[in-house]
């Protein structure tokens, strides 16, 4: 989703189910200078060493 409430402000919020959320607000001070603030929440999973079953996974949830 991208929304431009007025000329110099853009809001973006992509969502990928279930555990990926990103948001970003960009303000154009003057061309080409822009400032932005963002949020990123994502997850990763890894197979632990010497595990043959994929159900034995290590999950990591991170937000920045």
PDB file of N, CA and C in Angstrom:
ATOM      1  N   UNK A   1       0.836  -1.161   0.000  1.00  0.00           N
ATOM      2  CA  UNK A   1       0.000   0.000   0.000  1.00  0.00           C
ATOM      3  C   UNK A   1       0.891   1.238   0.000  1.00  0.00           C
ATOM      4  N   UNK A   2       0.577   2.192  -0.836  1.00  0.00           N
ATOM      5  CA  UNK A   2       1.280   3.471  -0.866  1.00  0.00           C
ATOM      6  C   UNK A   2       0.243   4.576  -0.919  1.00  0.00           C
ATOM      7  N   UNK A   3       0.416   5.575  -0.069  1.00  0.00           N
ATOM      8  CA  UNK A   3      -0.545   6.666   0.009  1.00  0.00           C
ATOM      9  C   UNK A   3       0.217   7.985   0.016  1.00  0.00           C
ATOM     10  N   UNK A   4      -0.228   8.940  -0.739  1.00  0.00           N
ATOM     11  CA  UNK A   4       0.392  10.257  -0.820  1.00  0.00           C
ATOM     12  C   UNK A   4      -0.644  11.290  -0.372  1.00  0.00           C
ATOM     13  N   UNK A   5      -0.728  11.563   0.953  1.00  0.00           N
ATOM     14  CA  UNK A   5      -1.758  12.463   1.462  1.00  0.00           C
ATOM     15  C   UNK A   5      -1.618  13.896   0.941  1.00  0.00           C
ATOM     16  N   UNK A   6      -0.400  14.343   0.696  1.00  0.00           N
ATOM     17  CA  UNK A   6      -0.173  15.615   0.015  1.00  0.00           C
ATOM     18  C   UNK A   6       1.135  15.512  -0.754  1.00  0.00           C
ATOM     19  N   UNK A   7       1.443  16.539  -1.517  1.00  0.00           N
ATOM     20  CA  UNK A   7       2.495  16.461  -2.535  1.00  0.00           C
ATOM     21  C   UNK A   7       3.850  15.975  -2.030  1.00  0.00           C
ATOM     22  N   UNK A   8       4.292  16.399  -0.871  1.00  0.00           N
ATOM     23  CA  UNK A   8       5.654  16.094  -0.422  1.00  0.00           C
ATOM     24  C   UNK A   8       5.743  14.939   0.578  1.00  0.00           C
ATOM     25  N   UNK A   9       4.645  14.274   0.873  1.00  0.00           N
ATOM     26  CA  UNK A   9       4.649  13.187   1.854  1.00  0.00           C
ATOM     27  C   UNK A   9       4.143  11.902   1.216  1.00  0.00           C
ATOM     28  N   UNK A  10       4.910  10.824   1.391  1.00  0.00           N
ATOM     29  CA  UNK A  10       4.512   9.509   0.889  1.00  0.00           C
ATOM     30  C   UNK A  10       4.561   8.514   2.046  1.00  0.00           C
ATOM     31  N   UNK A  11       3.504   7.734   2.211  1.00  0.00           N
ATOM     32  CA  UNK A  11       3.441   6.693   3.238  1.00  0.00           C
ATOM     33  C   UNK A  11       3.365   5.342   2.532  1.00  0.00           C
ATOM     34  N   UNK A  12       4.207   4.399   2.952  1.00  0.00           N
ATOM     35  CA  UNK A  12       4.229   3.056   2.374  1.00  0.00           C
ATOM     36  C   UNK A  12       4.080   2.038   3.483  1.00  0.00           C
ATOM     37  N   UNK A  13       3.295   0.994   3.233  1.00  0.00           N
ATOM     38  CA  UNK A  13       3.086  -0.054   4.232  1.00  0.00           C
ATOM     39  C   UNK A  13       2.840  -1.393   3.538  1.00  0.00           C
ATOM     40  N   UNK A  14       3.901  -2.055   3.076  1.00  0.00           N
ATOM     41  CA  UNK A  14       3.705  -3.404   2.524  1.00  0.00           C
ATOM     42  C   UNK A  14       3.524  -4.425   3.649  1.00  0.00           C
ATOM     43  N   UNK A  15       2.743  -5.452   3.392  1.00  0.00           N
ATOM     44  CA  UNK A  15       2.491  -6.513   4.373  1.00  0.00           C
ATOM     45  C   UNK A  15       2.548  -7.847   3.656  1.00  0.00           C
ATOM     46  N   UNK A  16       3.375  -8.740   4.159  1.00  0.00           N
ATOM     47  CA  UNK A  16       3.482 -10.085   3.618  1.00  0.00           C
ATOM     48  C   UNK A  16       3.110 -11.032   4.751  1.00  0.00           C
ATOM     49  N   UNK A  17       1.960 -11.714   4.624  1.00  0.00           N
ATOM     50  CA  UNK A  17       1.512 -12.570   5.730  1.00  0.00           C
ATOM     51  C   UNK A  17       2.541 -13.645   6.029  1.00  0.00           C
ATOM     52  N   UNK A  18       2.742 -14.079   7.165  1.00  0.00           N
ATOM     53  CA  UNK A  18       2.123 -13.809   8.426  1.00  0.00           C
ATOM     54  C   UNK A  18       3.005 -12.877   9.257  1.00  0.00           C
ATOM     55  N   UNK A  19       4.282 -12.932   9.079  1.00  0.00           N
ATOM     56  CA  UNK A  19       5.155 -12.231  10.024  1.00  0.00           C
ATOM     57  C   UNK A  19       6.107 -11.231   9.383  1.00  0.00           C
ATOM     58  N   UNK A  20       5.736 -10.587   8.320  1.00  0.00           N
ATOM     59  CA  UNK A  20       6.568  -9.550   7.731  1.00  0.00           C
ATOM     60  C   UNK A  20       5.747  -8.273   7.609  1.00  0.00           C
ATOM     61  N   UNK A  21       6.152  -7.263   8.357  1.00  0.00           N
ATOM     62  CA  UNK A  21       5.464  -5.979   8.333  1.00  0.00           C
ATOM     63  C   UNK A  21       6.528  -4.903   8.134  1.00  0.00           C
ATOM     64  N   UNK A  22       6.291  -4.024   7.183  1.00  0.00           N
ATOM     65  CA  UNK A  22       7.207  -2.914   6.936  1.00  0.00           C
ATOM     66  C   UNK A  22       6.384  -1.646   6.784  1.00  0.00           C
ATOM     67  N   UNK A  23       6.914  -0.531   7.254  1.00  0.00           N
ATOM     68  CA  UNK A  23       6.245   0.750   7.098  1.00  0.00           C
ATOM     69  C   UNK A  23       7.314   1.821   6.904  1.00  0.00           C
ATOM     70  N   UNK A  24       7.003   2.815   6.057  1.00  0.00           N
ATOM     71  CA  UNK A  24       7.976   3.865   5.778  1.00  0.00           C
ATOM     72  C   UNK A  24       7.224   5.152   5.448  1.00  0.00           C
ATOM     73  N   UNK A  25       7.670   6.255   6.049  1.00  0.00           N
ATOM     74  CA  UNK A  25       7.127   7.579   5.748  1.00  0.00           C
ATOM     75  C   UNK A  25       8.268   8.426   5.199  1.00  0.00           C
ATOM     76  N   UNK A  26       8.074   8.999   4.024  1.00  0.00           N
ATOM     77  CA  UNK A  26       9.095   9.810   3.371  1.00  0.00           C
ATOM     78  C   UNK A  26       8.561  11.220   3.160  1.00  0.00           C
ATOM     79  N   UNK A  27       9.364  12.211   3.535  1.00  0.00           N
ATOM     80  CA  UNK A  27       8.987  13.599   3.338  1.00  0.00           C
ATOM     81  C   UNK A  27      10.043  14.270   2.468  1.00  0.00           C
ATOM     82  N   UNK A  28       9.611  14.883   1.386  1.00  0.00           N
ATOM     83  CA  UNK A  28      10.522  15.579   0.479  1.00  0.00           C
ATOM     84  C   UNK A  28      10.650  17.026   0.941  1.00  0.00           C
ATOM     85  N   UNK A  29      11.790  17.356   1.561  1.00  0.00           N
ATOM     86  CA  UNK A  29      12.034  18.708   2.061  1.00  0.00           C
ATOM     87  C   UNK A  29      12.141  19.653   0.865  1.00  0.00           C
ATOM     88  N   UNK A  30      13.059  19.346  -0.042  1.00  0.00           N
ATOM     89  CA  UNK A  30      13.184  19.992  -1.347  1.00  0.00           C
ATOM     90  C   UNK A  30      13.981  19.035  -2.213  1.00  0.00           C
ATOM     91  N   UNK A  31      13.800  19.089  -3.505  1.00  0.00           N
ATOM     92  CA  UNK A  31      14.491  18.143  -4.394  1.00  0.00           C
ATOM     93  C   UNK A  31      15.981  18.361  -4.337  1.00  0.00           C
ATOM     94  N   UNK A  32      16.798  17.381  -4.199  1.00  0.00           N
ATOM     95  CA  UNK A  32      16.557  15.958  -4.049  1.00  0.00           C
ATOM     96  C   UNK A  32      16.575  15.505  -2.585  1.00  0.00           C
ATOM     97  N   UNK A  33      16.513  16.419  -1.623  1.00  0.00           N
ATOM     98  CA  UNK A  33      16.617  16.065  -0.198  1.00  0.00           C
ATOM     99  C   UNK A  33      15.288  15.515   0.327  1.00  0.00           C
ATOM    100  N   UNK A  34      15.357  14.272   0.852  1.00  0.00           N
ATOM    101  CA  UNK A  34      14.186  13.634   1.460  1.00  0.00           C
ATOM    102  C   UNK A  34      14.601  13.043   2.800  1.00  0.00           C
ATOM    103  N   UNK A  35      13.703  13.049   3.738  1.00  0.00           N
ATOM    104  CA  UNK A  35      13.927  12.403   5.035  1.00  0.00           C
ATOM    105  C   UNK A  35      12.862  11.324   5.192  1.00  0.00           C
ATOM    106  N   UNK A  36      13.218  10.277   5.927  1.00  0.00           N
ATOM    107  CA  UNK A  36      12.230   9.213   6.114  1.00  0.00           C
ATOM    108  C   UNK A  36      12.384   8.563   7.472  1.00  0.00           C
ATOM    109  N   UNK A  37      11.307   7.928   7.901  1.00  0.00           N
ATOM    110  CA  UNK A  37      11.288   7.110   9.111  1.00  0.00           C
ATOM    111  C   UNK A  37      10.656   5.787   8.718  1.00  0.00           C
ATOM    112  N   UNK A  38      11.150   4.697   9.293  1.00  0.00           N
ATOM    113  CA  UNK A  38      10.630   3.398   8.906  1.00  0.00           C
ATOM    114  C   UNK A  38      10.584   2.406  10.051  1.00  0.00           C
ATOM    115  N   UNK A  39       9.853   1.340   9.823  1.00  0.00           N
ATOM    116  CA  UNK A  39       9.704   0.241  10.771  1.00  0.00           C
ATOM    117  C   UNK A  39       9.777  -1.061   9.981  1.00  0.00           C
ATOM    118  N   UNK A  40      10.513  -2.032  10.493  1.00  0.00           N
ATOM    119  CA  UNK A  40      10.677  -3.301   9.802  1.00  0.00           C
ATOM    120  C   UNK A  40      10.587  -4.432  10.815  1.00  0.00           C
ATOM    121  N   UNK A  41       9.631  -5.357  10.625  1.00  0.00           N
ATOM    122  CA  UNK A  41       9.465  -6.506  11.513  1.00  0.00           C
ATOM    123  C   UNK A  41       9.477  -7.747  10.634  1.00  0.00           C
ATOM    124  N   UNK A  42      10.416  -8.637  10.887  1.00  0.00           N
ATOM    125  CA  UNK A  42      10.631  -9.783  10.018  1.00  0.00           C
ATOM    126  C   UNK A  42      10.985 -10.999  10.864  1.00  0.00           C
ATOM    127  N   UNK A  43      10.918 -12.175  10.263  1.00  0.00           N
ATOM    128  CA  UNK A  43      11.352 -13.386  10.959  1.00  0.00           C
ATOM    129  C   UNK A  43      12.216 -14.216  10.031  1.00  0.00           C
ATOM    130  N   UNK A  44      13.053 -15.022  10.625  1.00  0.00           N
ATOM    131  CA  UNK A  44      13.902 -15.971   9.905  1.00  0.00           C
ATOM    132  C   UNK A  44      13.859 -17.290  10.651  1.00  0.00           C
ATOM    133  N   UNK A  45      14.124 -18.360   9.938  1.00  0.00           N
ATOM    134  CA  UNK A  45      14.261 -19.641  10.608  1.00  0.00           C
ATOM    135  C   UNK A  45      15.449 -20.382  10.016  1.00  0.00           C
ATOM    136  N   UNK A  46      16.079 -21.177  10.871  1.00  0.00           N
ATOM    137  CA  UNK A  46      17.288 -21.898  10.498  1.00  0.00           C
ATOM    138  C   UNK A  46      17.155 -23.337  10.967  1.00  0.00           C
ATOM    139  N   UNK A  47      17.691 -24.251  10.180  1.00  0.00           N
ATOM    140  CA  UNK A  47      17.788 -25.639  10.626  1.00  0.00           C
ATOM    141  C   UNK A  47      18.985 -25.751  11.553  1.00  0.00           C
ATOM    142  N   UNK A  48      18.777 -26.386  12.673  1.00  0.00           N
ATOM    143  CA  UNK A  48      19.870 -26.562  13.619  1.00  0.00           C
ATOM    144  C   UNK A  48      20.835 -27.632  13.096  1.00  0.00           C
ATOM    145  N   UNK A  49      22.064 -27.601  13.549  1.00  0.00           N
ATOM    146  CA  UNK A  49      23.106 -28.498  13.058  1.00  0.00           C
ATOM    147  C   UNK A  49      22.726 -29.959  13.257  1.00  0.00           C
ATOM    148  N   UNK A  50      22.996 -30.769  12.258  1.00  0.00           N
ATOM    149  CA  UNK A  50      22.780 -32.218  12.290  1.00  0.00           C
ATOM    150  C   UNK A  50      21.323 -32.615  12.538  1.00  0.00           C
ATOM    151  N   UNK A  51      20.380 -31.806  12.095  1.00  0.00           N
ATOM    152  CA  UNK A  51      18.961 -32.152  12.207  1.00  0.00           C
ATOM    153  C   UNK A  51      18.433 -32.486  10.818  1.00  0.00           C
ATOM    154  N   UNK A  52      17.858 -33.646  10.683  1.00  0.00           N
ATOM    155  CA  UNK A  52      17.308 -34.053   9.396  1.00  0.00           C
ATOM    156  C   UNK A  52      15.848 -33.640   9.250  1.00  0.00           C
ATOM    157  N   UNK A  53      15.148 -33.500  10.353  1.00  0.00           N
ATOM    158  CA  UNK A  53      13.733 -33.129  10.306  1.00  0.00           C
ATOM    159  C   UNK A  53      13.601 -31.606  10.237  1.00  0.00           C
ATOM    160  N   UNK A  54      12.860 -31.130   9.252  1.00  0.00           N
ATOM    161  CA  UNK A  54      12.702 -29.679   9.103  1.00  0.00           C
ATOM    162  C   UNK A  54      11.830 -29.066  10.186  1.00  0.00           C
ATOM    163  N   UNK A  55      11.151 -29.883  10.960  1.00  0.00           N
ATOM    164  CA  UNK A  55      10.348 -29.337  12.058  1.00  0.00           C
ATOM    165  C   UNK A  55      11.219 -28.916  13.248  1.00  0.00           C
ATOM    166  N   UNK A  56      12.485 -29.327  13.250  1.00  0.00           N
ATOM    167  CA  UNK A  56      13.415 -28.933  14.317  1.00  0.00           C
ATOM    168  C   UNK A  56      14.141 -27.670  13.869  1.00  0.00           C
ATOM    169  N   UNK A  57      13.460 -26.533  13.965  1.00  0.00           N
ATOM    170  CA  UNK A  57      13.996 -25.280  13.471  1.00  0.00           C
ATOM    171  C   UNK A  57      14.199 -24.280  14.608  1.00  0.00           C
ATOM    172  N   UNK A  58      15.107 -23.357  14.383  1.00  0.00           N
ATOM    173  CA  UNK A  58      15.338 -22.252  15.291  1.00  0.00           C
ATOM    174  C   UNK A  58      14.723 -21.012  14.641  1.00  0.00           C
ATOM    175  N   UNK A  59      13.819 -20.346  15.361  1.00  0.00           N
ATOM    176  CA  UNK A  59      13.140 -19.162  14.837  1.00  0.00           C
ATOM    177  C   UNK A  59      13.734 -17.909  15.448  1.00  0.00           C
ATOM    178  N   UNK A  60      13.780 -16.849  14.673  1.00  0.00           N
ATOM    179  CA  UNK A  60      14.284 -15.561  15.151  1.00  0.00           C
ATOM    180  C   UNK A  60      13.316 -14.480  14.699  1.00  0.00           C
ATOM    181  N   UNK A  61      12.752 -13.738  15.637  1.00  0.00           N
ATOM    182  CA  UNK A  61      11.856 -12.628  15.332  1.00  0.00           C
ATOM    183  C   UNK A  61      12.585 -11.333  15.644  1.00  0.00           C
ATOM    184  N   UNK A  62      12.602 -10.422  14.708  1.00  0.00           N
ATOM    185  CA  UNK A  62      13.374  -9.204  14.872  1.00  0.00           C
ATOM    186  C   UNK A  62      12.566  -7.995  14.414  1.00  0.00           C
ATOM    187  N   UNK A  63      12.673  -6.914  15.166  1.00  0.00           N
ATOM    188  CA  UNK A  63      12.082  -5.654  14.720  1.00  0.00           C
ATOM    189  C   UNK A  63      13.136  -4.575  14.824  1.00  0.00           C
ATOM    190  N   UNK A  64      13.083  -3.659  13.891  1.00  0.00           N
ATOM    191  CA  UNK A  64      14.083  -2.582  13.863  1.00  0.00           C
ATOM    192  C   UNK A  64      13.401  -1.252  13.710  1.00  0.00           C
TER     193      UNK A  64
END
